[in-house]
C-alpha atoms as a PDB file:
ATOM      1  CA  MET A   1      -0.960 -13.216  18.186  1.00  0.00           C
ATOM      2  CA  LYS A   2      -1.041 -12.280  21.651  1.00  0.00           C
ATOM      3  CA  LYS A   3       1.760 -10.735  23.547  1.00  0.00           C
ATOM      4  CA  SER A   4       1.801 -13.715  26.137  1.00  0.00           C
ATOM      5  CA  HIS A   5       2.033 -16.234  23.197  1.00  0.00           C
ATOM      6  CA  LYS A   6       4.891 -14.229  21.761  1.00  0.00           C
ATOM      7  CA  LEU A   7       6.803 -14.136  24.926  1.00  0.00           C
ATOM      8  CA  GLY A   8       6.317 -17.753  25.481  1.00  0.00           C
ATOM      9  CA  LEU A   9       7.380 -18.642  22.093  1.00  0.00           C
ATOM     10  CA  ALA A  10      10.456 -16.517  22.482  1.00  0.00           C
ATOM     11  CA  ALA A  11      11.244 -18.177  25.760  1.00  0.00           C
ATOM     12  CA  ILE A  12      10.999 -21.705  24.126  1.00  0.00           C
ATOM     13  CA  VAL A  13      13.320 -20.580  21.226  1.00  0.00           C
ATOM     14  CA  ILE A  14      15.861 -19.190  23.486  1.00  0.00           C
ATOM     15  CA  ALA A  15      15.798 -22.200  25.921  1.00  0.00           C
ATOM     16  CA  GLY A  16      16.212 -24.572  22.951  1.00  0.00           C
ATOM     17  CA  SER A  17      19.117 -22.638  21.621  1.00  0.00           C
ATOM     18  CA  LEU A  18      20.810 -22.725  24.966  1.00  0.00           C
ATOM     19  CA  VAL A  19      20.305 -26.410  25.281  1.00  0.00           C
ATOM     20  CA  THR A  20      21.670 -26.879  21.783  1.00  0.00           C
ATOM     21  CA  THR A  21      24.675 -24.909  22.456  1.00  0.00           C
ATOM     22  CA  ALA A  22      25.367 -26.558  25.770  1.00  0.00           C
ATOM     23  CA  PHE A  23      25.279 -29.991  24.080  1.00  0.00           C
ATOM     24  CA  ALA A  24      27.392 -28.781  21.182  1.00  0.00           C
ATOM     25  CA  GLY A  25      30.156 -27.685  23.355  1.00  0.00           C
ATOM     26  CA  GLY A  26      30.442 -30.948  24.944  1.00  0.00           C
ATOM     27  CA  ILE A  27      31.526 -32.679  21.833  1.00  0.00           C
ATOM     28  CA  GLY A  28      35.298 -32.196  21.102  1.00  0.00           C
ATOM     29  CA  GLU A  29      36.888 -31.191  18.001  1.00  0.00           C
ATOM     30  CA  PRO A  30      38.115 -33.891  15.620  1.00  0.00           C
ATOM     31  CA  GLY A  31      41.857 -34.642  16.807  1.00  0.00           C
ATOM     32  CA  SER A  32      41.267 -33.097  20.297  1.00  0.00           C
ATOM     33  CA  ILE A  33      41.806 -34.914  23.353  1.00  0.00           C
ATOM     34  CA  ASP A  34      38.038 -35.413  23.651  1.00  0.00           C
ATOM     35  CA  ASP A  35      37.778 -36.996  20.061  1.00  0.00           C
ATOM     36  CA  PRO A  36      41.219 -38.354  19.054  1.00  0.00           C
ATOM     37  CA  VAL A  37      41.929 -39.102  15.205  1.00  0.00           C
ATOM     38  CA  VAL A  38      43.464 -42.462  15.215  1.00  0.00           C
ATOM     39  CA  THR A  39      44.915 -44.348  12.029  1.00  0.00           C
ATOM     40  CA  LYS A  40      43.752 -47.395  10.485  1.00  0.00           C
ATOM     41  CA  SER A  41      46.870 -49.426  11.436  1.00  0.00           C
ATOM     42  CA  TYR A  42      46.284 -48.509  15.064  1.00  0.00           C
ATOM     43  CA  VAL A  43      42.807 -49.696  14.963  1.00  0.00           C
ATOM     44  CA  ASP A  44      43.947 -52.988  13.164  1.00  0.00           C
ATOM     45  CA  GLN A  45      46.670 -53.466  15.655  1.00  0.00           C
ATOM     46  CA  GLN A  46      44.361 -53.127  18.681  1.00  0.00           C
ATOM     47  CA  ILE A  47      41.818 -55.507  16.982  1.00  0.00           C
ATOM     48  CA  SER A  48      44.563 -58.063  16.297  1.00  0.00           C
ATOM     49  CA  GLN A  49      45.855 -57.761  19.938  1.00  0.00           C
ATOM     50  CA  LEU A  50      42.390 -58.441  21.075  1.00  0.00           C
ATOM     51  CA  GLN A  51      41.820 -61.472  18.921  1.00  0.00           C
ATOM     52  CA  PHE A  52      45.189 -62.800  20.048  1.00  0.00           C
ATOM     53  CA  ASN A  53      44.293 -62.382  23.697  1.00  0.00           C
ATOM     54  CA  ASN A  54      40.911 -64.003  23.310  1.00  0.00           C
ATOM     55  CA  SER A  55      42.448 -67.059  21.491  1.00  0.00           C
ATOM     56  CA  GLY A  56      44.549 -67.840  24.354  1.00  0.00           C
ATOM     57  CA  ASN A  57      41.814 -68.116  26.724  1.00  0.00           C
ATOM     58  CA  THR A  58      39.813 -70.944  25.300  1.00  0.00           C
ATOM     59  CA  ALA A  59      41.529 -74.333  24.125  1.00  0.00           C
ATOM     60  CA  GLN A  60      40.505 -75.789  20.813  1.00  0.00           C
ATOM     61  CA  ILE A  61      38.410 -79.078  20.687  1.00  0.00           C
ATOM     62  CA  VAL A  62      40.060 -81.937  19.310  1.00  0.00           C
ATOM     63  CA  VAL A  63      38.432 -85.059  17.755  1.00  0.00           C
ATOM     64  CA  GLU A  64      40.412 -88.350  18.227  1.00  0.00           C
ATOM     65  CA  LYS A  65      39.650 -91.726  16.958  1.00  0.00           C
ATOM     66  CA  LEU A  66      40.290 -94.416  19.641  1.00  0.00           C
ATOM     67  CA  LEU A  67      40.411 -98.203  19.044  1.00  0.00           C
ATOM     68  CA  ALA A  68      39.620-100.874  21.301  1.00  0.00           C
ATOM     69  CA  GLY A  69      42.062-101.078  24.315  1.00  0.00           C
ATOM     70  CA  ASP A  70      43.159 -97.557  23.753  1.00  0.00           C
ATOM     71  CA  ILE A  71      43.266 -95.391  26.902  1.00  0.00           C
ATOM     72  CA  LEU A  72      42.871 -91.746  27.068  1.00  0.00           C
ATOM     73  CA  LEU A  73      44.310 -89.994  30.172  1.00  0.00           C
ATOM     74  CA  GLY A  74      43.310 -86.426  31.019  1.00  0.00           C
ATOM     75  CA  ASN A  75      45.185 -83.820  32.996  1.00  0.00           C
ATOM     76  CA  SER A  76      43.190 -81.560  35.512  1.00  0.00           C
ATOM     77  CA  GLY A  77      40.489 -79.599  33.730  1.00  0.00           C
ATOM     78  CA  THR A  78      40.397 -81.848  30.651  1.00  0.00           C
ATOM     79  CA  GLU A  79      36.958 -82.165  29.052  1.00  0.00           C
ATOM     80  CA  ILE A  80      35.930 -85.286  27.354  1.00  0.00           C
ATOM     81  CA  ILE A  81      32.866 -85.932  25.486  1.00  0.00           C
ATOM     82  CA  VAL A  82      32.426 -89.699  23.955  1.00  0.00           C
ATOM     83  CA  ARG A  83      30.674 -89.481  20.654  1.00  0.00           C
ATOM     84  CA  THR A  84      30.623 -93.002  19.620  1.00  0.00           C
ATOM     85  CA  GLY A  85      31.689 -96.416  20.942  1.00  0.00           C
ATOM     86  CA  LYS A  86      31.717 -98.429  24.245  1.00  0.00           C
ATOM     87  CA  VAL A  87      33.930 -96.680  26.430  1.00  0.00           C
ATOM     88  CA  VAL A  88      34.352 -97.042  30.469  1.00  0.00           C
ATOM     89  CA  ALA A  89      36.007 -94.761  33.090  1.00  0.00           C
ATOM     90  CA  PHE A  90      39.563 -95.548  33.715  1.00  0.00           C
ATOM     91  CA  GLY A  91      41.688 -94.727  36.823  1.00  0.00           C
ATOM     92  CA  ASP A  92      44.030 -96.150  39.472  1.00  0.00           C
ATOM     93  CA  GLY A  93      42.139 -95.053  42.580  1.00  0.00           C
ATOM     94  CA  SER A  94      38.598 -95.346  43.853  1.00  0.00           C
ATOM     95  CA  ASN A  95      37.659 -91.764  42.686  1.00  0.00           C
ATOM     96  CA  GLY A  96      35.385 -91.672  39.850  1.00  0.00           C
ATOM     97  CA  ILE A  97      35.045 -89.285  36.913  1.00  0.00           C
ATOM     98  CA  PRO A  98      32.357 -86.220  37.276  1.00  0.00           C
ATOM     99  CA  ASP A  99      29.728 -86.426  34.502  1.00  0.00           C
ATOM    100  CA  VAL A 100      28.499 -82.887  34.277  1.00  0.00           C
ATOM    101  CA  THR A 101      25.754 -83.571  32.005  1.00  0.00           C
ATOM    102  CA  SER A 102      24.045 -86.050  34.403  1.00  0.00           C
ATOM    103  CA  GLY A 103      25.339 -84.552  37.704  1.00  0.00           C
ATOM    104  CA  GLU A 104      26.804 -87.985  38.828  1.00  0.00           C
ATOM    105  CA  ASP A 105      30.095 -89.479  39.480  1.00  0.00           C
ATOM    106  CA  ILE A 106      31.088 -92.223  37.109  1.00  0.00           C
ATOM    107  CA  ALA A 107      32.864 -94.996  38.922  1.00  0.00           C
ATOM    108  CA  ILE A 108      36.175 -96.514  37.470  1.00  0.00           C
ATOM    109  CA  GLY A 109      34.856 -99.500  35.045  1.00  0.00           C
ATOM    110  CA  GLN A 110      31.416 -97.940  34.634  1.00  0.00           C
ATOM    111  CA  GLN A 111      30.318 -97.310  31.067  1.00  0.00           C
ATOM    112  CA  VAL A 112      30.470 -93.846  29.890  1.00  0.00           C
ATOM    113  CA  ALA A 113      27.009 -92.445  28.329  1.00  0.00           C
ATOM    114  CA  LEU A 114      27.445 -90.952  24.798  1.00  0.00           C
ATOM    115  CA  ASN A 115      27.357 -87.376  24.486  1.00  0.00           C
ATOM    116  CA  HIS A 116      27.997 -86.607  28.126  1.00  0.00           C
ATOM    117  CA  GLN A 117      30.488 -84.074  29.283  1.00  0.00           C
ATOM    118  CA  LEU A 118      33.375 -85.493  31.570  1.00  0.00           C
ATOM    119  CA  ILE A 119      35.736 -83.282  33.458  1.00  0.00           C
ATOM    120  CA  ILE A 120      38.969 -84.740  34.740  1.00  0.00           C
ATOM    121  CA  PRO A 121      39.194 -83.136  38.329  1.00  0.00           C
ATOM    122  CA  ARG A 122      43.015 -84.052  38.808  1.00  0.00           C
ATOM    123  CA  SER A 123      46.062 -85.208  36.993  1.00  0.00           C
ATOM    124  CA  ASP A 124      46.051 -88.472  38.786  1.00  0.00           C
ATOM    125  CA  GLY A 125      45.582 -91.083  35.812  1.00  0.00           C
ATOM    126  CA  ARG A 126      42.041 -90.953  35.420  1.00  0.00           C
ATOM    127  CA  GLY A 127      40.511 -91.021  31.938  1.00  0.00           C
ATOM    128  CA  ILE A 128      38.624 -93.414  29.555  1.00  0.00           C
ATOM    129  CA  ARG A 129      39.311 -96.716  28.034  1.00  0.00           C
ATOM    130  CA  VAL A 130      37.660 -98.000  24.934  1.00  0.00           C
ATOM    131  CA  VAL A 131      36.225-101.585  25.622  1.00  0.00           C
ATOM    132  CA  GLU A 132      35.320-102.571  21.899  1.00  0.00           C
ATOM    133  CA  GLY A 133      35.171-101.124  18.491  1.00  0.00           C
ATOM    134  CA  THR A 134      36.171 -97.722  17.509  1.00  0.00           C
ATOM    135  CA  SER A 135      35.259 -94.625  19.497  1.00  0.00           C
ATOM    136  CA  TYR A 136      35.446 -91.013  18.463  1.00  0.00           C
ATOM    137  CA  VAL A 137      35.986 -88.642  21.342  1.00  0.00           C
ATOM    138  CA  MET A 138      35.997 -84.810  21.605  1.00  0.00           C
ATOM    139  CA  ILE A 139      38.665 -83.463  24.059  1.00  0.00           C
ATOM    140  CA  ARG A 140      39.500 -80.002  25.332  1.00  0.00           C
ATOM    141  CA  GLY A 141      42.699 -79.648  27.288  1.00  0.00           C
ATOM    142  CA  THR A 142      45.749 -81.561  27.820  1.00  0.00           C
ATOM    143  CA  TYR A 143      45.776 -85.269  27.509  1.00  0.00           C
ATOM    144  CA  GLU A 144      47.674 -88.535  26.603  1.00  0.00           C
ATOM    145  CA  ILE A 145      46.673 -91.504  24.572  1.00  0.00           C
ATOM    146  CA  LEU A 146      48.097 -94.924  25.518  1.00  0.00           C
ATOM    147  CA  GLN A 147      47.659 -97.417  22.480  1.00  0.00           C
ATOM    148  CA  GLY A 148      46.476-100.791  23.206  1.00  0.00           C
ATOM    149  CA  ASP A 149      45.343-102.562  26.160  1.00  0.00           C
ATOM    150  CA  LEU A 150      47.522-101.895  29.351  1.00  0.00           C
ATOM    151  CA  GLU A 151      46.312-104.854  31.110  1.00  0.00           C
ATOM    152  CA  ASN A 152      47.719-107.205  28.348  1.00  0.00           C
ATOM    153  CA  GLN A 153      51.105-105.616  28.266  1.00  0.00           C
END
């Protein structure tokens, strides 16, 4: 082997060992500040705390069975999806209910399309009323169900 090849090979070996040593020095010893040792109970506690915090951010979807004449009033931010039945938008004023699936406003008294997501914008007495038969509705948020037809009470 030529002398220049031996010097080049030696330089590569030295450079490689320097790089390896530099990276190895950056890794902390187990149990040190750079690489702390933690117990299983600590890890379990942190995981359960994360699960608890995440569960508070999303409300559960509830499925309700409504009968003809029943009125479901939603509070601000309540999401409603009508799965079955003939249902109309309900409210006191002239404001409708946003249908975020179609991007339109449903006027009070107008029939609600099945499987469309409605969001109640304010807690001002808006919701849905079952016109006939039975209706299954998915709800996320706070709501109140008034049994029977209010107009005939």
